[in-house]
Amino acid sequence: MRDLIKSFYSTFGGPLAMLVFLHALGTVGYRLIGGPQVSLLDCFYMTFITIATIGYGEVIPVHDSVPAILFTVFIGATGIGTVYYILGKMTMSLVAGEMNIVLDRKSTRLNSSH
């Protein structure tokens, strides 16, 4: 079990930390963009819907400010890239695990036939 946790952490620790960092950065950035009247929850929500590409619309208006638009593009592109990277790593891990199972079965069959 400890090896499984170690393997998970070494494979997904960095990308998951990046995703948490992006959510924190987005929350702080949208707070600076929206001002003190905008709640941190709204800022976090704006970050989440941007990264998740949900597209419910702007919770915090950014369409009138070029820096705000560029910040949103940065958060979206970096977040989406990170999510796809995590999904790719998960897919690779699953495929590698399945391949190991198949190869172990073949190896067992070959060794038992001799």
PDB file of N, CA and C in Angstrom:
ATOM      1  N   MET A   1       0.828  -1.201   0.000  1.00  0.00           N
ATOM      2  CA  MET A   1       0.000   0.000   0.000  1.00  0.00           C
ATOM      3  C   MET A   1       0.872   1.265   0.000  1.00  0.00           C
ATOM      4  N   ARG A   2       1.945   1.214   0.780  1.00  0.00           N
ATOM      5  CA  ARG A   2       2.845   2.360   0.849  1.00  0.00           C
ATOM      6  C   ARG A   2       3.476   2.645  -0.511  1.00  0.00           C
ATOM      7  N   ASP A   3       3.836   1.579  -1.244  1.00  0.00           N
ATOM      8  CA  ASP A   3       4.413   1.745  -2.579  1.00  0.00           C
ATOM      9  C   ASP A   3       3.407   2.368  -3.542  1.00  0.00           C
ATOM     10  N   LEU A   4       2.140   1.990  -3.403  1.00  0.00           N
ATOM     11  CA  LEU A   4       1.080   2.549  -4.247  1.00  0.00           C
ATOM     12  C   LEU A   4       0.930   4.048  -3.995  1.00  0.00           C
ATOM     13  N   ILE A   5       0.939   4.439  -2.733  1.00  0.00           N
ATOM     14  CA  ILE A   5       0.830   5.861  -2.381  1.00  0.00           C
ATOM     15  C   ILE A   5       2.051   6.631  -2.883  1.00  0.00           C
ATOM     16  N   LYS A   6       3.228   6.038  -2.717  1.00  0.00           N
ATOM     17  CA  LYS A   6       4.459   6.664  -3.214  1.00  0.00           C
ATOM     18  C   LYS A   6       4.406   6.853  -4.729  1.00  0.00           C
ATOM     19  N   SER A   7       3.948   5.819  -5.418  1.00  0.00           N
ATOM     20  CA  SER A   7       3.850   5.868  -6.874  1.00  0.00           C
ATOM     21  C   SER A   7       2.842   6.931  -7.313  1.00  0.00           C
ATOM     22  N   PHE A   8       1.700   6.980  -6.625  1.00  0.00           N
ATOM     23  CA  PHE A   8       0.676   7.980  -6.946  1.00  0.00           C
ATOM     24  C   PHE A   8       1.237   9.385  -6.748  1.00  0.00           C
ATOM     25  N   TYR A   9       1.896   9.592  -5.620  1.00  0.00           N
ATOM     26  CA  TYR A   9       2.455  10.911  -5.320  1.00  0.00           C
ATOM     27  C   TYR A   9       3.524  11.309  -6.334  1.00  0.00           C
ATOM     28  N   SER A  10       4.385  10.358  -6.702  1.00  0.00           N
ATOM     29  CA  SER A  10       5.448  10.707  -7.648  1.00  0.00           C
ATOM     30  C   SER A  10       4.897  10.969  -9.046  1.00  0.00           C
ATOM     31  N   THR A  11       3.800  10.310  -9.393  1.00  0.00           N
ATOM     32  CA  THR A  11       3.208  10.496 -10.715  1.00  0.00           C
ATOM     33  C   THR A  11       2.307  11.728 -10.779  1.00  0.00           C
ATOM     34  N   PHE A  12       1.467  11.911  -9.757  1.00  0.00           N
ATOM     35  CA  PHE A  12       0.431  12.946  -9.816  1.00  0.00           C
ATOM     36  C   PHE A  12       0.647  14.110  -8.855  1.00  0.00           C
ATOM     37  N   GLY A  13       1.632  14.018  -7.968  1.00  0.00           N
ATOM     38  CA  GLY A  13       1.837  15.068  -6.973  1.00  0.00           C
ATOM     39  C   GLY A  13       2.100  16.433  -7.590  1.00  0.00           C
ATOM     40  N   GLY A  14       3.026  16.479  -8.531  1.00  0.00           N
ATOM     41  CA  GLY A  14       3.368  17.752  -9.180  1.00  0.00           C
ATOM     42  C   GLY A  14       2.211  18.369  -9.951  1.00  0.00           C
ATOM     43  N   PRO A  15       1.567  17.599 -10.836  1.00  0.00           N
ATOM     44  CA  PRO A  15       0.450  18.170 -11.589  1.00  0.00           C
ATOM     45  C   PRO A  15      -0.732  18.591 -10.701  1.00  0.00           C
ATOM     46  N   LEU A  16      -1.017  17.811  -9.660  1.00  0.00           N
ATOM     47  CA  LEU A  16      -2.112  18.192  -8.757  1.00  0.00           C
ATOM     48  C   LEU A  16      -1.754  19.437  -7.964  1.00  0.00           C
ATOM     49  N   ALA A  17      -0.482  19.551  -7.558  1.00  0.00           N
ATOM     50  CA  ALA A  17      -0.031  20.764  -6.871  1.00  0.00           C
ATOM     51  C   ALA A  17      -0.156  21.973  -7.801  1.00  0.00           C
ATOM     52  N   MET A  18       0.165  21.780  -9.078  1.00  0.00           N
ATOM     53  CA  MET A  18       0.031  22.854 -10.064  1.00  0.00           C
ATOM     54  C   MET A  18      -1.427  23.291 -10.186  1.00  0.00           C
ATOM     55  N   LEU A  19      -2.331  22.343 -10.190  1.00  0.00           N
ATOM     56  CA  LEU A  19      -3.759  22.659 -10.293  1.00  0.00           C
ATOM     57  C   LEU A  19      -4.239  23.434  -9.065  1.00  0.00           C
ATOM     58  N   VAL A  20      -3.791  23.030  -7.885  1.00  0.00           N
ATOM     59  CA  VAL A  20      -4.140  23.759  -6.657  1.00  0.00           C
ATOM     60  C   VAL A  20      -3.546  25.161  -6.704  1.00  0.00           C
ATOM     61  N   PHE A  21      -2.284  25.262  -7.141  1.00  0.00           N
ATOM     62  CA  PHE A  21      -1.633  26.567  -7.257  1.00  0.00           C
ATOM     63  C   PHE A  21      -2.398  27.475  -8.226  1.00  0.00           C
ATOM     64  N   LEU A  22      -2.819  26.928  -9.367  1.00  0.00           N
ATOM     65  CA  LEU A  22      -3.566  27.728 -10.348  1.00  0.00           C
ATOM     66  C   LEU A  22      -4.889  28.224  -9.783  1.00  0.00           C
ATOM     67  N   HIS A  23      -5.560  27.366  -8.997  1.00  0.00           N
ATOM     68  CA  HIS A  23      -6.815  27.796  -8.379  1.00  0.00           C
ATOM     69  C   HIS A  23      -6.561  28.919  -7.363  1.00  0.00           C
ATOM     70  N   ALA A  24      -5.489  28.795  -6.602  1.00  0.00           N
ATOM     71  CA  ALA A  24      -5.148  29.855  -5.646  1.00  0.00           C
ATOM     72  C   ALA A  24      -4.771  31.143  -6.379  1.00  0.00           C
ATOM     73  N   LEU A  25      -3.939  31.018  -7.421  1.00  0.00           N
ATOM     74  CA  LEU A  25      -3.532  32.179  -8.205  1.00  0.00           C
ATOM     75  C   LEU A  25      -4.745  32.834  -8.864  1.00  0.00           C
ATOM     76  N   GLY A  26      -5.613  32.026  -9.429  1.00  0.00           N
ATOM     77  CA  GLY A  26      -6.816  32.560 -10.066  1.00  0.00           C
ATOM     78  C   GLY A  26      -7.720  33.262  -9.077  1.00  0.00           C
ATOM     79  N   THR A  27      -7.879  32.678  -7.904  1.00  0.00           N
ATOM     80  CA  THR A  27      -8.729  33.281  -6.871  1.00  0.00           C
ATOM     81  C   THR A  27      -8.179  34.642  -6.460  1.00  0.00           C
ATOM     82  N   VAL A  28      -6.880  34.711  -6.217  1.00  0.00           N
ATOM     83  CA  VAL A  28      -6.255  35.987  -5.832  1.00  0.00           C
ATOM     84  C   VAL A  28      -6.316  36.978  -6.998  1.00  0.00           C
ATOM     85  N   GLY A  29      -6.026  36.502  -8.197  1.00  0.00           N
ATOM     86  CA  GLY A  29      -6.043  37.380  -9.366  1.00  0.00           C
ATOM     87  C   GLY A  29      -7.422  37.971  -9.638  1.00  0.00           C
ATOM     88  N   TYR A  30      -8.446  37.130  -9.554  1.00  0.00           N
ATOM     89  CA  TYR A  30      -9.796  37.645  -9.790  1.00  0.00           C
ATOM     90  C   TYR A  30     -10.253  38.567  -8.670  1.00  0.00           C
ATOM     91  N   ARG A  31      -9.732  38.352  -7.471  1.00  0.00           N
ATOM     92  CA  ARG A  31     -10.043  39.276  -6.368  1.00  0.00           C
ATOM     93  C   ARG A  31      -9.443  40.645  -6.669  1.00  0.00           C
ATOM     94  N   LEU A  32      -8.216  40.648  -7.191  1.00  0.00           N
ATOM     95  CA  LEU A  32      -7.587  41.921  -7.554  1.00  0.00           C
ATOM     96  C   LEU A  32      -8.324  42.583  -8.715  1.00  0.00           C
ATOM     97  N   ILE A  33      -8.781  41.770  -9.659  1.00  0.00           N
ATOM     98  CA  ILE A  33      -9.514  42.304 -10.816  1.00  0.00           C
ATOM     99  C   ILE A  33     -10.886  42.823 -10.407  1.00  0.00           C
ATOM    100  N   GLY A  34     -11.593  42.047  -9.594  1.00  0.00           N
ATOM    101  CA  GLY A  34     -12.968  42.396  -9.223  1.00  0.00           C
ATOM    102  C   GLY A  34     -13.080  43.385  -8.098  1.00  0.00           C
ATOM    103  N   GLY A  35     -12.046  43.459  -7.266  1.00  0.00           N
ATOM    104  CA  GLY A  35     -12.082  44.375  -6.132  1.00  0.00           C
ATOM    105  C   GLY A  35     -12.632  43.727  -4.878  1.00  0.00           C
ATOM    106  N   PRO A  36     -12.583  44.472  -3.777  1.00  0.00           N
ATOM    107  CA  PRO A  36     -12.977  43.898  -2.479  1.00  0.00           C
ATOM    108  C   PRO A  36     -14.470  43.562  -2.381  1.00  0.00           C
ATOM    109  N   GLN A  37     -15.286  44.112  -3.273  1.00  0.00           N
ATOM    110  CA  GLN A  37     -16.726  43.812  -3.226  1.00  0.00           C
ATOM    111  C   GLN A  37     -17.034  42.416  -3.756  1.00  0.00           C
ATOM    112  N   VAL A  38     -16.061  41.775  -4.420  1.00  0.00           N
ATOM    113  CA  VAL A  38     -16.252  40.427  -4.962  1.00  0.00           C
ATOM    114  C   VAL A  38     -15.770  39.418  -3.918  1.00  0.00           C
ATOM    115  N   SER A  39     -16.594  38.423  -3.629  1.00  0.00           N
ATOM    116  CA  SER A  39     -16.229  37.439  -2.604  1.00  0.00           C
ATOM    117  C   SER A  39     -15.151  36.486  -3.117  1.00  0.00           C
ATOM    118  N   LEU A  40     -14.396  35.931  -2.181  1.00  0.00           N
ATOM    119  CA  LEU A  40     -13.382  34.944  -2.547  1.00  0.00           C
ATOM    120  C   LEU A  40     -14.026  33.707  -3.170  1.00  0.00           C
ATOM    121  N   LEU A  41     -15.223  33.373  -2.717  1.00  0.00           N
ATOM    122  CA  LEU A  41     -15.935  32.239  -3.303  1.00  0.00           C
ATOM    123  C   LEU A  41     -16.245  32.497  -4.773  1.00  0.00           C
ATOM    124  N   ASP A  42     -16.684  33.705  -5.093  1.00  0.00           N
ATOM    125  CA  ASP A  42     -16.933  34.046  -6.500  1.00  0.00           C
ATOM    126  C   ASP A  42     -15.641  33.995  -7.312  1.00  0.00           C
ATOM    127  N   CYS A  43     -14.540  34.421  -6.714  1.00  0.00           N
ATOM    128  CA  CYS A  43     -13.243  34.396  -7.399  1.00  0.00           C
ATOM    129  C   CYS A  43     -12.802  32.958  -7.658  1.00  0.00           C
ATOM    130  N   PHE A  44     -12.963  32.103  -6.654  1.00  0.00           N
ATOM    131  CA  PHE A  44     -12.628  30.686  -6.820  1.00  0.00           C
ATOM    132  C   PHE A  44     -13.530  30.053  -7.883  1.00  0.00           C
ATOM    133  N   TYR A  45     -14.814  30.382  -7.836  1.00  0.00           N
ATOM    134  CA  TYR A  45     -15.784  29.851  -8.803  1.00  0.00           C
ATOM    135  C   TYR A  45     -15.426  30.289 -10.223  1.00  0.00           C
ATOM    136  N   MET A  46     -15.044  31.543 -10.393  1.00  0.00           N
ATOM    137  CA  MET A  46     -14.644  32.048 -11.710  1.00  0.00           C
ATOM    138  C   MET A  46     -13.428  31.275 -12.220  1.00  0.00           C
ATOM    139  N   THR A  47     -12.480  30.997 -11.323  1.00  0.00           N
ATOM    140  CA  THR A  47     -11.297  30.220 -11.700  1.00  0.00           C
ATOM    141  C   THR A  47     -11.705  28.808 -12.107  1.00  0.00           C
ATOM    142  N   PHE A  48     -12.564  28.190 -11.300  1.00  0.00           N
ATOM    143  CA  PHE A  48     -12.983  26.820 -11.575  1.00  0.00           C
ATOM    144  C   PHE A  48     -13.712  26.706 -12.917  1.00  0.00           C
ATOM    145  N   ILE A  49     -14.672  27.600 -13.174  1.00  0.00           N
ATOM    146  CA  ILE A  49     -15.416  27.486 -14.432  1.00  0.00           C
ATOM    147  C   ILE A  49     -14.539  27.813 -15.636  1.00  0.00           C
ATOM    148  N   THR A  50     -13.487  28.601 -15.424  1.00  0.00           N
ATOM    149  CA  THR A  50     -12.545  28.886 -16.510  1.00  0.00           C
ATOM    150  C   THR A  50     -11.697  27.657 -16.815  1.00  0.00           C
ATOM    151  N   ILE A  51     -11.112  27.046 -15.769  1.00  0.00           N
ATOM    152  CA  ILE A  51     -10.258  25.878 -15.965  1.00  0.00           C
ATOM    153  C   ILE A  51     -11.067  24.678 -16.460  1.00  0.00           C
ATOM    154  N   ALA A  52     -12.248  24.506 -15.919  1.00  0.00           N
ATOM    155  CA  ALA A  52     -13.074  23.355 -16.291  1.00  0.00           C
ATOM    156  C   ALA A  52     -13.782  23.554 -17.632  1.00  0.00           C
ATOM    157  N   THR A  53     -13.630  24.713 -18.229  1.00  0.00           N
ATOM    158  CA  THR A  53     -14.258  25.092 -19.508  1.00  0.00           C
ATOM    159  C   THR A  53     -15.778  24.924 -19.474  1.00  0.00           C
ATOM    160  N   ILE A  54     -16.357  25.179 -18.324  1.00  0.00           N
ATOM    161  CA  ILE A  54     -17.814  25.064 -18.186  1.00  0.00           C
ATOM    162  C   ILE A  54     -18.510  26.175 -18.952  1.00  0.00           C
ATOM    163  N   GLY A  55     -17.997  27.388 -18.823  1.00  0.00           N
ATOM    164  CA  GLY A  55     -18.516  28.495 -19.611  1.00  0.00           C
ATOM    165  C   GLY A  55     -19.892  28.989 -19.216  1.00  0.00           C
ATOM    166  N   TYR A  56     -20.166  29.070 -17.917  1.00  0.00           N
ATOM    167  CA  TYR A  56     -21.455  29.617 -17.468  1.00  0.00           C
ATOM    168  C   TYR A  56     -21.548  31.112 -17.693  1.00  0.00           C
ATOM    169  N   GLY A  57     -20.465  31.736 -18.003  1.00  0.00           N
ATOM    170  CA  GLY A  57     -20.443  33.184 -18.175  1.00  0.00           C
ATOM    171  C   GLY A  57     -19.548  33.797 -17.118  1.00  0.00           C
ATOM    172  N   GLU A  58     -19.347  35.071 -17.233  1.00  0.00           N
ATOM    173  CA  GLU A  58     -18.452  35.760 -16.317  1.00  0.00           C
ATOM    174  C   GLU A  58     -19.147  36.049 -14.995  1.00  0.00           C
ATOM    175  N   VAL A  59     -18.596  35.545 -13.938  1.00  0.00           N
ATOM    176  CA  VAL A  59     -19.061  35.892 -12.604  1.00  0.00           C
ATOM    177  C   VAL A  59     -18.455  37.240 -12.220  1.00  0.00           C
ATOM    178  N   ILE A  60     -17.235  37.435 -12.671  1.00  0.00           N
ATOM    179  CA  ILE A  60     -16.521  38.687 -12.472  1.00  0.00           C
ATOM    180  C   ILE A  60     -16.290  39.272 -13.864  1.00  0.00           C
ATOM    181  N   PRO A  61     -16.802  40.471 -14.123  1.00  0.00           N
ATOM    182  CA  PRO A  61     -16.664  41.024 -15.471  1.00  0.00           C
ATOM    183  C   PRO A  61     -15.207  41.281 -15.846  1.00  0.00           C
ATOM    184  N   VAL A  62     -14.784  40.647 -16.926  1.00  0.00           N
ATOM    185  CA  VAL A  62     -13.410  40.838 -17.408  1.00  0.00           C
ATOM    186  C   VAL A  62     -13.380  41.400 -18.820  1.00  0.00           C
ATOM    187  N   HIS A  63     -14.508  41.455 -19.475  1.00  0.00           N
ATOM    188  CA  HIS A  63     -14.552  41.805 -20.895  1.00  0.00           C
ATOM    189  C   HIS A  63     -14.144  43.246 -21.208  1.00  0.00           C
ATOM    190  N   ASP A  64     -14.097  44.134 -20.210  1.00  0.00           N
ATOM    191  CA  ASP A  64     -13.732  45.529 -20.459  1.00  0.00           C
ATOM    192  C   ASP A  64     -12.258  45.827 -20.189  1.00  0.00           C
ATOM    193  N   SER A  65     -11.500  44.819 -19.788  1.00  0.00           N
ATOM    194  CA  SER A  65     -10.112  45.052 -19.392  1.00  0.00           C
ATOM    195  C   SER A  65      -9.184  44.064 -20.092  1.00  0.00           C
ATOM    196  N   VAL A  66      -8.257  44.593 -20.869  1.00  0.00           N
ATOM    197  CA  VAL A  66      -7.309  43.732 -21.576  1.00  0.00           C
ATOM    198  C   VAL A  66      -6.474  42.897 -20.599  1.00  0.00           C
ATOM    199  N   PRO A  67      -5.924  43.472 -19.511  1.00  0.00           N
ATOM    200  CA  PRO A  67      -5.178  42.628 -18.565  1.00  0.00           C
ATOM    201  C   PRO A  67      -6.049  41.510 -17.961  1.00  0.00           C
ATOM    202  N   ALA A  68      -7.309  41.816 -17.671  1.00  0.00           N
ATOM    203  CA  ALA A  68      -8.209  40.803 -17.105  1.00  0.00           C
ATOM    204  C   ALA A  68      -8.488  39.699 -18.121  1.00  0.00           C
ATOM    205  N   ILE A  69      -8.643  40.070 -19.361  1.00  0.00           N
ATOM    206  CA  ILE A  69      -8.864  39.075 -20.427  1.00  0.00           C
ATOM    207  C   ILE A  69      -7.625  38.190 -20.568  1.00  0.00           C
ATOM    208  N   LEU A  70      -6.454  38.816 -20.601  1.00  0.00           N
ATOM    209  CA  LEU A  70      -5.210  38.051 -20.732  1.00  0.00           C
ATOM    210  C   LEU A  70      -4.996  37.138 -19.529  1.00  0.00           C
ATOM    211  N   PHE A  71      -5.342  37.606 -18.332  1.00  0.00           N
ATOM    212  CA  PHE A  71      -5.237  36.779 -17.131  1.00  0.00           C
ATOM    213  C   PHE A  71      -6.157  35.572 -17.247  1.00  0.00           C
ATOM    214  N   THR A  72      -7.373  35.785 -17.713  1.00  0.00           N
ATOM    215  CA  THR A  72      -8.335  34.700 -17.875  1.00  0.00           C
ATOM    216  C   THR A  72      -7.834  33.683 -18.904  1.00  0.00           C
ATOM    217  N   VAL A  73      -7.276  34.171 -20.000  1.00  0.00           N
ATOM    218  CA  VAL A  73      -6.716  33.276 -21.021  1.00  0.00           C
ATOM    219  C   VAL A  73      -5.564  32.464 -20.428  1.00  0.00           C
ATOM    220  N   PHE A  74      -4.698  33.120 -19.658  1.00  0.00           N
ATOM    221  CA  PHE A  74      -3.578  32.412 -19.029  1.00  0.00           C
ATOM    222  C   PHE A  74      -4.068  31.332 -18.080  1.00  0.00           C
ATOM    223  N   ILE A  75      -5.005  31.683 -17.203  1.00  0.00           N
ATOM    224  CA  ILE A  75      -5.544  30.703 -16.238  1.00  0.00           C
ATOM    225  C   ILE A  75      -6.219  29.560 -16.987  1.00  0.00           C
ATOM    226  N   GLY A  76      -7.003  29.881 -17.998  1.00  0.00           N
ATOM    227  CA  GLY A  76      -7.701  28.845 -18.759  1.00  0.00           C
ATOM    228  C   GLY A  76      -6.744  27.916 -19.491  1.00  0.00           C
ATOM    229  N   ALA A  77      -5.816  28.477 -20.226  1.00  0.00           N
ATOM    230  CA  ALA A  77      -4.893  27.651 -21.016  1.00  0.00           C
ATOM    231  C   ALA A  77      -3.995  26.802 -20.124  1.00  0.00           C
ATOM    232  N   THR A  78      -3.449  27.399 -19.083  1.00  0.00           N
ATOM    233  CA  THR A  78      -2.575  26.655 -18.174  1.00  0.00           C
ATOM    234  C   THR A  78      -3.358  25.591 -17.418  1.00  0.00           C
ATOM    235  N   GLY A  79      -4.550  25.952 -16.970  1.00  0.00           N
ATOM    236  CA  GLY A  79      -5.376  24.990 -16.243  1.00  0.00           C
ATOM    237  C   GLY A  79      -5.835  23.836 -17.103  1.00  0.00           C
ATOM    238  N   ILE A  80      -6.274  24.134 -18.306  1.00  0.00           N
ATOM    239  CA  ILE A  80      -6.722  23.078 -19.218  1.00  0.00           C
ATOM    240  C   ILE A  80      -5.551  22.168 -19.581  1.00  0.00           C
ATOM    241  N   GLY A  81      -4.399  22.766 -19.847  1.00  0.00           N
ATOM    242  CA  GLY A  81      -3.207  21.967 -20.137  1.00  0.00           C
ATOM    243  C   GLY A  81      -2.850  21.049 -18.982  1.00  0.00           C
ATOM    244  N   THR A  82      -2.951  21.553 -17.772  1.00  0.00           N
ATOM    245  CA  THR A  82      -2.642  20.749 -16.584  1.00  0.00           C
ATOM    246  C   THR A  82      -3.647  19.618 -16.421  1.00  0.00           C
ATOM    247  N   VAL A  83      -4.918  19.907 -16.611  1.00  0.00           N
ATOM    248  CA  VAL A  83      -5.950  18.871 -16.494  1.00  0.00           C
ATOM    249  C   VAL A  83      -5.732  17.786 -17.552  1.00  0.00           C
ATOM    250  N   TYR A  84      -5.456  18.184 -18.775  1.00  0.00           N
ATOM    251  CA  TYR A  84      -5.201  17.192 -19.833  1.00  0.00           C
ATOM    252  C   TYR A  84      -3.952  16.370 -19.541  1.00  0.00           C
ATOM    253  N   TYR A  85      -2.948  17.007 -18.969  1.00  0.00           N
ATOM    254  CA  TYR A  85      -1.729  16.289 -18.590  1.00  0.00           C
ATOM    255  C   TYR A  85      -2.057  15.221 -17.542  1.00  0.00           C
ATOM    256  N   ILE A  86      -2.845  15.598 -16.540  1.00  0.00           N
ATOM    257  CA  ILE A  86      -3.247  14.641 -15.493  1.00  0.00           C
ATOM    258  C   ILE A  86      -4.050  13.499 -16.106  1.00  0.00           C
ATOM    259  N   LEU A  87      -4.993  13.826 -16.974  1.00  0.00           N
ATOM    260  CA  LEU A  87      -5.799  12.773 -17.619  1.00  0.00           C
ATOM    261  C   LEU A  87      -4.934  11.861 -18.480  1.00  0.00           C
ATOM    262  N   GLY A  88      -3.961  12.426 -19.169  1.00  0.00           N
ATOM    263  CA  GLY A  88      -3.044  11.618 -19.970  1.00  0.00           C
ATOM    264  C   GLY A  88      -2.216  10.685 -19.105  1.00  0.00           C
ATOM    265  N   LYS A  89      -1.720  11.210 -17.974  1.00  0.00           N
ATOM    266  CA  LYS A  89      -0.952  10.371 -17.046  1.00  0.00           C
ATOM    267  C   LYS A  89      -1.826   9.248 -16.484  1.00  0.00           C
ATOM    268  N   MET A  90      -3.080   9.563 -16.169  1.00  0.00           N
ATOM    269  CA  MET A  90      -3.990   8.541 -15.654  1.00  0.00           C
ATOM    270  C   MET A  90      -4.223   7.456 -16.704  1.00  0.00           C
ATOM    271  N   THR A  91      -4.425   7.864 -17.932  1.00  0.00           N
ATOM    272  CA  THR A  91      -4.635   6.910 -19.019  1.00  0.00           C
ATOM    273  C   THR A  91      -3.402   6.035 -19.213  1.00  0.00           C
ATOM    274  N   MET A  92      -2.228   6.662 -19.198  1.00  0.00           N
ATOM    275  CA  MET A  92      -0.990   5.890 -19.346  1.00  0.00           C
ATOM    276  C   MET A  92      -0.837   4.879 -18.212  1.00  0.00           C
ATOM    277  N   SER A  93      -1.160   5.275 -16.997  1.00  0.00           N
ATOM    278  CA  SER A  93      -1.049   4.377 -15.854  1.00  0.00           C
ATOM    279  C   SER A  93      -2.001   3.201 -15.979  1.00  0.00           C
ATOM    280  N   LEU A  94      -3.223   3.478 -16.408  1.00  0.00           N
ATOM    281  CA  LEU A  94      -4.207   2.404 -16.578  1.00  0.00           C
ATOM    282  C   LEU A  94      -3.787   1.443 -17.681  1.00  0.00           C
ATOM    283  N   VAL A  95      -3.346   1.979 -18.805  1.00  0.00           N
ATOM    284  CA  VAL A  95      -2.919   1.137 -19.921  1.00  0.00           C
ATOM    285  C   VAL A  95      -1.702   0.315 -19.522  1.00  0.00           C
ATOM    286  N   ALA A  96      -0.730   0.941 -18.852  1.00  0.00           N
ATOM    287  CA  ALA A  96       0.466   0.220 -18.412  1.00  0.00           C
ATOM    288  C   ALA A  96       0.095  -0.885 -17.435  1.00  0.00           C
ATOM    289  N   GLY A  97      -0.853  -0.606 -16.541  1.00  0.00           N
ATOM    290  CA  GLY A  97      -1.307  -1.622 -15.591  1.00  0.00           C
ATOM    291  C   GLY A  97      -1.967  -2.792 -16.295  1.00  0.00           C
ATOM    292  N   GLU A  98      -2.810  -2.494 -17.278  1.00  0.00           N
ATOM    293  CA  GLU A  98      -3.465  -3.552 -18.047  1.00  0.00           C
ATOM    294  C   GLU A  98      -2.450  -4.356 -18.842  1.00  0.00           C
ATOM    295  N   MET A  99      -1.480  -3.674 -19.418  1.00  0.00           N
ATOM    296  CA  MET A  99      -0.441  -4.376 -20.183  1.00  0.00           C
ATOM    297  C   MET A  99       0.370  -5.299 -19.275  1.00  0.00           C
ATOM    298  N   ASN A 100       0.674  -4.825 -18.073  1.00  0.00           N
ATOM    299  CA  ASN A 100       1.413  -5.671 -17.129  1.00  0.00           C
ATOM    300  C   ASN A 100       0.616  -6.908 -16.759  1.00  0.00           C
ATOM    301  N   ILE A 101      -0.692  -6.752 -16.576  1.00  0.00           N
ATOM    302  CA  ILE A 101      -1.541  -7.897 -16.248  1.00  0.00           C
ATOM    303  C   ILE A 101      -1.525  -8.898 -17.400  1.00  0.00           C
ATOM    304  N   VAL A 102      -1.683  -8.404 -18.629  1.00  0.00           N
ATOM    305  CA  VAL A 102      -1.685  -9.289 -19.804  1.00  0.00           C
ATOM    306  C   VAL A 102      -0.339  -9.978 -19.946  1.00  0.00           C
ATOM    307  N   LEU A 103       0.752  -9.238 -19.809  1.00  0.00           N
ATOM    308  CA  LEU A 103       2.081  -9.826 -19.945  1.00  0.00           C
ATOM    309  C   LEU A 103       2.356 -10.839 -18.832  1.00  0.00           C
ATOM    310  N   ASP A 104       1.902 -10.553 -17.624  1.00  0.00           N
ATOM    311  CA  ASP A 104       2.078 -11.508 -16.522  1.00  0.00           C
ATOM    312  C   ASP A 104       1.316 -12.798 -16.799  1.00  0.00           C
ATOM    313  N   ARG A 105       0.113 -12.685 -17.333  1.00  0.00           N
ATOM    314  CA  ARG A 105      -0.681 -13.878 -17.666  1.00  0.00           C
ATOM    315  C   ARG A 105       0.029 -14.716 -18.732  1.00  0.00           C
ATOM    316  N   LYS A 106       0.526 -14.032 -19.767  1.00  0.00           N
ATOM    317  CA  LYS A 106       1.228 -14.748 -20.835  1.00  0.00           C
ATOM    318  C   LYS A 106       2.487 -15.404 -20.290  1.00  0.00           C
ATOM    319  N   SER A 107       3.209 -14.681 -19.452  1.00  0.00           N
ATOM    320  CA  SER A 107       4.435 -15.218 -18.868  1.00  0.00           C
ATOM    321  C   SER A 107       4.134 -16.429 -17.985  1.00  0.00           C
ATOM    322  N   THR A 108       3.068 -16.359 -17.234  1.00  0.00           N
ATOM    323  CA  THR A 108       2.669 -17.481 -16.365  1.00  0.00           C
ATOM    324  C   THR A 108       2.287 -18.675 -17.207  1.00  0.00           C
ATOM    325  N   ARG A 109       1.528 -18.471 -18.292  1.00  0.00           N
ATOM    326  CA  ARG A 109       1.133 -19.558 -19.162  1.00  0.00           C
ATOM    327  C   ARG A 109       2.345 -20.205 -19.831  1.00  0.00           C
ATOM    328  N   LEU A 110       3.275 -19.366 -20.288  1.00  0.00           N
ATOM    329  CA  LEU A 110       4.470 -19.895 -20.948  1.00  0.00           C
ATOM    330  C   LEU A 110       5.349 -20.683 -19.974  1.00  0.00           C
ATOM    331  N   ASN A 111       5.485 -20.174 -18.757  1.00  0.00           N
ATOM    332  CA  ASN A 111       6.310 -20.848 -17.771  1.00  0.00           C
ATOM    333  C   ASN A 111       5.671 -22.138 -17.266  1.00  0.00           C
ATOM    334  N   SER A 112       4.342 -22.174 -17.199  1.00  0.00           N
ATOM    335  CA  SER A 112       3.679 -23.388 -16.702  1.00  0.00           C
ATOM    336  C   SER A 112       3.621 -24.469 -17.764  1.00  0.00           C
ATOM    337  N   SER A 113       3.740 -24.114 -19.039  1.00  0.00           N
ATOM    338  CA  SER A 113       3.692 -25.107 -20.106  1.00  0.00           C
ATOM    339  C   SER A 113       5.032 -25.826 -20.290  1.00  0.00           C
ATOM    340  N   HIS A 114       6.093 -25.268 -19.723  1.00  0.00           N
ATOM    341  CA  HIS A 114       7.422 -25.906 -19.872  1.00  0.00           C
ATOM    342  C   HIS A 114       7.716 -26.791 -18.732  1.00  0.00           C
TER     343      HIS A 114
END
